[in-house]
N, C-alpha and C. Protein backbone atom coordinates (compact mmCIF):
# COMPACT_ATOMS: atom_id res chain seq x y z
N MET A 1 0.83 -1.17 0.00
CA MET A 1 0.00 0.00 0.00
C MET A 1 0.88 1.24 0.00
N ASN A 2 1.34 1.72 1.15
CA ASN A 2 2.29 2.82 1.23
C ASN A 2 3.69 2.28 1.07
N SER A 3 4.63 3.17 0.77
CA SER A 3 6.01 2.73 0.65
C SER A 3 6.53 2.22 1.99
N THR A 4 5.95 2.67 3.10
CA THR A 4 6.36 2.16 4.40
C THR A 4 5.84 0.75 4.64
N ASP A 5 4.75 0.39 3.97
CA ASP A 5 4.21 -0.95 4.12
C ASP A 5 4.92 -1.96 3.22
N ALA A 6 5.43 -1.53 2.09
CA ALA A 6 5.99 -2.43 1.09
C ALA A 6 7.14 -3.30 1.60
N PRO A 7 8.17 -2.75 2.28
CA PRO A 7 9.28 -3.60 2.68
C PRO A 7 8.92 -4.66 3.71
N ALA A 8 7.95 -4.36 4.58
CA ALA A 8 7.63 -5.29 5.66
C ALA A 8 7.06 -6.60 5.15
N ALA A 9 6.15 -6.54 4.19
CA ALA A 9 5.53 -7.76 3.69
C ALA A 9 6.54 -8.69 3.03
N PRO A 10 7.38 -8.20 2.10
CA PRO A 10 8.36 -9.10 1.50
C PRO A 10 9.34 -9.67 2.53
N ALA A 11 9.77 -8.86 3.50
CA ALA A 11 10.71 -9.33 4.51
C ALA A 11 10.08 -10.41 5.38
N SER A 12 8.81 -10.23 5.77
CA SER A 12 8.17 -11.24 6.60
C SER A 12 7.89 -12.50 5.80
N GLU A 13 7.56 -12.33 4.53
CA GLU A 13 7.37 -13.49 3.66
C GLU A 13 8.69 -14.24 3.48
N LEU A 14 9.76 -13.50 3.29
CA LEU A 14 11.09 -14.09 3.14
C LEU A 14 11.48 -14.82 4.42
N ALA A 15 11.22 -14.21 5.57
CA ALA A 15 11.55 -14.85 6.85
C ALA A 15 10.80 -16.18 6.99
N GLU A 16 9.56 -16.22 6.54
CA GLU A 16 8.78 -17.46 6.62
C GLU A 16 9.33 -18.51 5.65
N GLN A 17 9.76 -18.08 4.47
CA GLN A 17 10.39 -19.01 3.52
C GLN A 17 11.66 -19.58 4.13
N LEU A 18 12.44 -18.74 4.78
CA LEU A 18 13.67 -19.21 5.42
C LEU A 18 13.37 -20.20 6.53
N ARG A 19 12.36 -19.92 7.33
CA ARG A 19 11.95 -20.87 8.40
C ARG A 19 11.61 -22.23 7.80
N THR A 20 10.88 -22.21 6.68
CA THR A 20 10.48 -23.46 6.03
C THR A 20 11.70 -24.23 5.55
N ILE A 21 12.64 -23.53 4.93
CA ILE A 21 13.85 -24.20 4.44
C ILE A 21 14.67 -24.75 5.60
N ILE A 22 14.82 -23.96 6.66
CA ILE A 22 15.56 -24.43 7.83
C ILE A 22 14.90 -25.66 8.43
N SER A 23 13.58 -25.64 8.50
CA SER A 23 12.84 -26.79 9.03
C SER A 23 13.08 -28.04 8.19
N THR A 24 12.93 -27.88 6.87
CA THR A 24 13.08 -29.03 5.97
C THR A 24 14.50 -29.56 5.97
N GLU A 25 15.46 -28.69 5.73
CA GLU A 25 16.85 -29.12 5.59
C GLU A 25 17.50 -29.47 6.93
N GLY A 26 17.06 -28.81 8.00
CA GLY A 26 17.60 -29.11 9.32
C GLY A 26 16.86 -30.23 10.02
N MET A 27 15.80 -30.72 9.36
CA MET A 27 14.96 -31.79 9.89
C MET A 27 14.46 -31.47 11.30
N VAL A 28 13.90 -30.26 11.42
CA VAL A 28 13.36 -29.78 12.69
C VAL A 28 11.91 -29.38 12.43
N PRO A 29 10.97 -29.83 13.26
CA PRO A 29 9.58 -29.41 13.08
C PRO A 29 9.49 -27.88 13.11
N ILE A 30 8.77 -27.32 12.16
CA ILE A 30 8.71 -25.86 12.02
C ILE A 30 8.20 -25.16 13.27
N GLU A 31 7.32 -25.82 14.01
CA GLU A 31 6.78 -25.19 15.23
C GLU A 31 7.86 -25.00 16.30
N LYS A 32 8.97 -25.72 16.19
CA LYS A 32 10.08 -25.54 17.15
C LYS A 32 11.00 -24.39 16.76
N LEU A 33 10.84 -23.85 15.55
CA LEU A 33 11.70 -22.78 15.07
C LEU A 33 11.16 -21.41 15.48
N THR A 34 11.12 -21.20 16.79
CA THR A 34 10.70 -19.91 17.33
C THR A 34 11.91 -18.99 17.37
N PRO A 35 11.70 -17.68 17.37
CA PRO A 35 12.83 -16.75 17.34
C PRO A 35 13.86 -16.96 18.44
N ASP A 36 13.41 -17.35 19.64
CA ASP A 36 14.34 -17.51 20.75
C ASP A 36 14.88 -18.93 20.91
N ALA A 37 14.52 -19.84 19.99
CA ALA A 37 15.01 -21.22 20.08
C ALA A 37 16.50 -21.26 19.76
N ALA A 38 17.27 -21.91 20.64
CA ALA A 38 18.71 -22.04 20.43
C ALA A 38 18.98 -23.07 19.35
N LEU A 39 19.82 -22.70 18.38
CA LEU A 39 20.13 -23.60 17.27
C LEU A 39 20.72 -24.92 17.76
N ASP A 40 21.63 -24.85 18.74
CA ASP A 40 22.24 -26.10 19.22
C ASP A 40 21.24 -27.00 19.92
N SER A 41 20.23 -26.43 20.57
CA SER A 41 19.22 -27.27 21.24
C SER A 41 18.31 -27.96 20.22
N LEU A 42 18.29 -27.42 18.98
CA LEU A 42 17.49 -28.02 17.91
C LEU A 42 18.29 -29.06 17.13
N GLY A 43 19.58 -29.18 17.46
CA GLY A 43 20.43 -30.15 16.78
C GLY A 43 20.95 -29.65 15.44
N ILE A 44 20.93 -28.34 15.21
CA ILE A 44 21.44 -27.78 13.97
C ILE A 44 22.92 -27.48 14.16
N ALA A 45 23.76 -28.32 13.58
CA ALA A 45 25.21 -28.18 13.68
C ALA A 45 25.75 -27.42 12.47
N SER A 46 27.05 -27.16 12.47
CA SER A 46 27.65 -26.39 11.37
C SER A 46 27.50 -27.11 10.03
N ALA A 47 27.58 -28.43 10.02
CA ALA A 47 27.40 -29.17 8.77
C ALA A 47 25.96 -29.00 8.26
N ASP A 48 25.01 -29.01 9.18
CA ASP A 48 23.61 -28.77 8.81
C ASP A 48 23.44 -27.36 8.25
N MET A 49 24.16 -26.41 8.83
CA MET A 49 24.05 -25.03 8.40
C MET A 49 24.50 -24.89 6.94
N MET A 50 25.53 -25.61 6.55
CA MET A 50 26.00 -25.55 5.17
C MET A 50 24.93 -26.10 4.22
N VAL A 51 24.28 -27.18 4.59
CA VAL A 51 23.21 -27.75 3.77
C VAL A 51 22.04 -26.76 3.68
N ILE A 52 21.72 -26.14 4.79
CA ILE A 52 20.64 -25.15 4.83
C ILE A 52 20.97 -23.97 3.91
N LEU A 53 22.20 -23.46 4.00
CA LEU A 53 22.60 -22.33 3.16
C LEU A 53 22.57 -22.68 1.68
N MET A 54 23.01 -23.88 1.34
CA MET A 54 22.97 -24.30 -0.07
C MET A 54 21.52 -24.39 -0.56
N ALA A 55 20.63 -24.89 0.28
CA ALA A 55 19.21 -24.98 -0.10
C ALA A 55 18.61 -23.59 -0.27
N ILE A 56 18.98 -22.65 0.61
CA ILE A 56 18.49 -21.27 0.49
C ILE A 56 18.95 -20.68 -0.84
N GLU A 57 20.21 -20.87 -1.16
CA GLU A 57 20.74 -20.36 -2.42
C GLU A 57 19.98 -20.94 -3.61
N GLU A 58 19.78 -22.24 -3.58
CA GLU A 58 19.11 -22.92 -4.69
C GLU A 58 17.64 -22.52 -4.81
N GLN A 59 16.92 -22.54 -3.70
CA GLN A 59 15.48 -22.29 -3.74
C GLN A 59 15.12 -20.82 -3.93
N LEU A 60 15.96 -19.92 -3.43
CA LEU A 60 15.64 -18.50 -3.52
C LEU A 60 16.44 -17.79 -4.61
N GLY A 61 17.35 -18.51 -5.24
CA GLY A 61 18.13 -17.92 -6.32
C GLY A 61 19.05 -16.80 -5.86
N VAL A 62 19.63 -16.97 -4.67
CA VAL A 62 20.55 -15.96 -4.14
C VAL A 62 21.90 -16.61 -3.89
N HIS A 63 22.93 -15.78 -3.80
CA HIS A 63 24.26 -16.27 -3.44
C HIS A 63 24.57 -15.74 -2.05
N ILE A 64 24.96 -16.62 -1.16
CA ILE A 64 25.29 -16.22 0.20
C ILE A 64 26.77 -16.51 0.43
N PRO A 65 27.61 -15.48 0.28
CA PRO A 65 29.05 -15.66 0.48
C PRO A 65 29.37 -15.73 1.97
N VAL A 66 29.64 -16.91 2.46
CA VAL A 66 29.84 -17.13 3.89
C VAL A 66 31.07 -16.39 4.41
N HIS A 67 32.00 -16.09 3.52
CA HIS A 67 33.24 -15.43 3.97
C HIS A 67 33.18 -13.91 3.86
N SER A 68 31.97 -13.35 3.86
CA SER A 68 31.85 -11.90 3.79
C SER A 68 31.14 -11.40 5.04
N GLU A 69 30.14 -10.53 4.85
CA GLU A 69 29.44 -9.95 6.00
C GLU A 69 28.65 -10.98 6.79
N LEU A 70 28.43 -12.16 6.23
CA LEU A 70 27.71 -13.21 6.96
C LEU A 70 28.66 -14.23 7.58
N ALA A 71 29.92 -13.87 7.69
CA ALA A 71 30.91 -14.78 8.26
C ALA A 71 30.55 -15.16 9.70
N SER A 72 29.73 -14.34 10.35
CA SER A 72 29.35 -14.61 11.73
C SER A 72 28.20 -15.60 11.86
N LEU A 73 27.75 -16.20 10.73
CA LEU A 73 26.64 -17.15 10.81
C LEU A 73 26.92 -18.26 11.81
N GLY A 74 28.15 -18.71 11.89
CA GLY A 74 28.51 -19.76 12.83
C GLY A 74 28.38 -19.33 14.27
N GLU A 75 28.35 -18.02 14.50
CA GLU A 75 28.21 -17.49 15.86
C GLU A 75 26.77 -17.24 16.25
N MET A 76 25.85 -17.39 15.31
CA MET A 76 24.44 -17.18 15.61
C MET A 76 23.99 -18.24 16.62
N LYS A 77 23.28 -17.79 17.62
CA LYS A 77 22.85 -18.70 18.69
C LYS A 77 21.38 -19.09 18.59
N THR A 78 20.56 -18.20 18.02
CA THR A 78 19.12 -18.47 17.99
C THR A 78 18.59 -18.46 16.56
N VAL A 79 17.42 -19.04 16.41
CA VAL A 79 16.73 -19.05 15.13
C VAL A 79 16.45 -17.62 14.68
N GLY A 80 16.04 -16.77 15.60
CA GLY A 80 15.74 -15.39 15.28
C GLY A 80 16.96 -14.64 14.76
N GLU A 81 18.11 -14.82 15.40
CA GLU A 81 19.34 -14.16 14.94
C GLU A 81 19.69 -14.62 13.53
N LEU A 82 19.58 -15.91 13.28
CA LEU A 82 19.90 -16.47 11.97
C LEU A 82 18.97 -15.93 10.89
N ILE A 83 17.68 -15.98 11.14
CA ILE A 83 16.71 -15.51 10.16
C ILE A 83 16.83 -14.01 9.93
N ASP A 84 17.06 -13.24 10.99
CA ASP A 84 17.23 -11.78 10.83
C ASP A 84 18.45 -11.47 9.97
N ALA A 85 19.57 -12.17 10.22
CA ALA A 85 20.79 -11.93 9.46
C ALA A 85 20.60 -12.30 7.99
N LEU A 86 20.00 -13.46 7.74
CA LEU A 86 19.79 -13.90 6.36
C LEU A 86 18.80 -13.00 5.63
N THR A 87 17.70 -12.65 6.30
CA THR A 87 16.70 -11.79 5.69
C THR A 87 17.31 -10.43 5.34
N GLY A 88 18.01 -9.86 6.29
CA GLY A 88 18.64 -8.56 6.05
C GLY A 88 19.61 -8.61 4.89
N TYR A 89 20.44 -9.65 4.85
CA TYR A 89 21.41 -9.78 3.77
C TYR A 89 20.72 -9.91 2.42
N ILE A 90 19.73 -10.78 2.34
CA ILE A 90 19.04 -11.03 1.07
C ILE A 90 18.31 -9.78 0.60
N VAL A 91 17.61 -9.09 1.51
CA VAL A 91 16.88 -7.88 1.15
C VAL A 91 17.83 -6.79 0.67
N ARG A 92 18.93 -6.58 1.42
CA ARG A 92 19.91 -5.56 1.04
C ARG A 92 20.53 -5.84 -0.32
N ASN A 93 20.83 -7.10 -0.59
CA ASN A 93 21.56 -7.45 -1.80
C ASN A 93 20.65 -7.69 -3.00
N SER A 94 19.36 -7.80 -2.79
CA SER A 94 18.46 -7.93 -3.93
C SER A 94 17.80 -6.60 -4.27
N ALA A 95 17.86 -5.65 -3.36
CA ALA A 95 17.24 -4.34 -3.60
C ALA A 95 17.96 -3.59 -4.71
N GLY A 96 19.27 -3.75 -4.79
CA GLY A 96 20.03 -3.05 -5.81
C GLY A 96 20.11 -3.80 -7.12
N ALA A 97 19.58 -5.01 -7.15
CA ALA A 97 19.69 -5.83 -8.35
C ALA A 97 18.72 -5.41 -9.42
């Protein structure tokens, strides 16, 4: 509707797509992927994270260079931190495309 409304809908839709991919590839029931859920308590290890990132790239048609501004992905502790970082990166890097 307004330009202030436009960014929120795509970002929230993207966040939900990311939750779905994390659930599928991380083999975690989506209802457990709450923003404050600790990734390690869900059994999502670094090897799982690589599979998740590859699936995100493939399904969303984006490139996520792990050795750049997202190098801290391994330091993310919660689902919310992970989704916020990925959403922000994807939105920032697709806006100029």
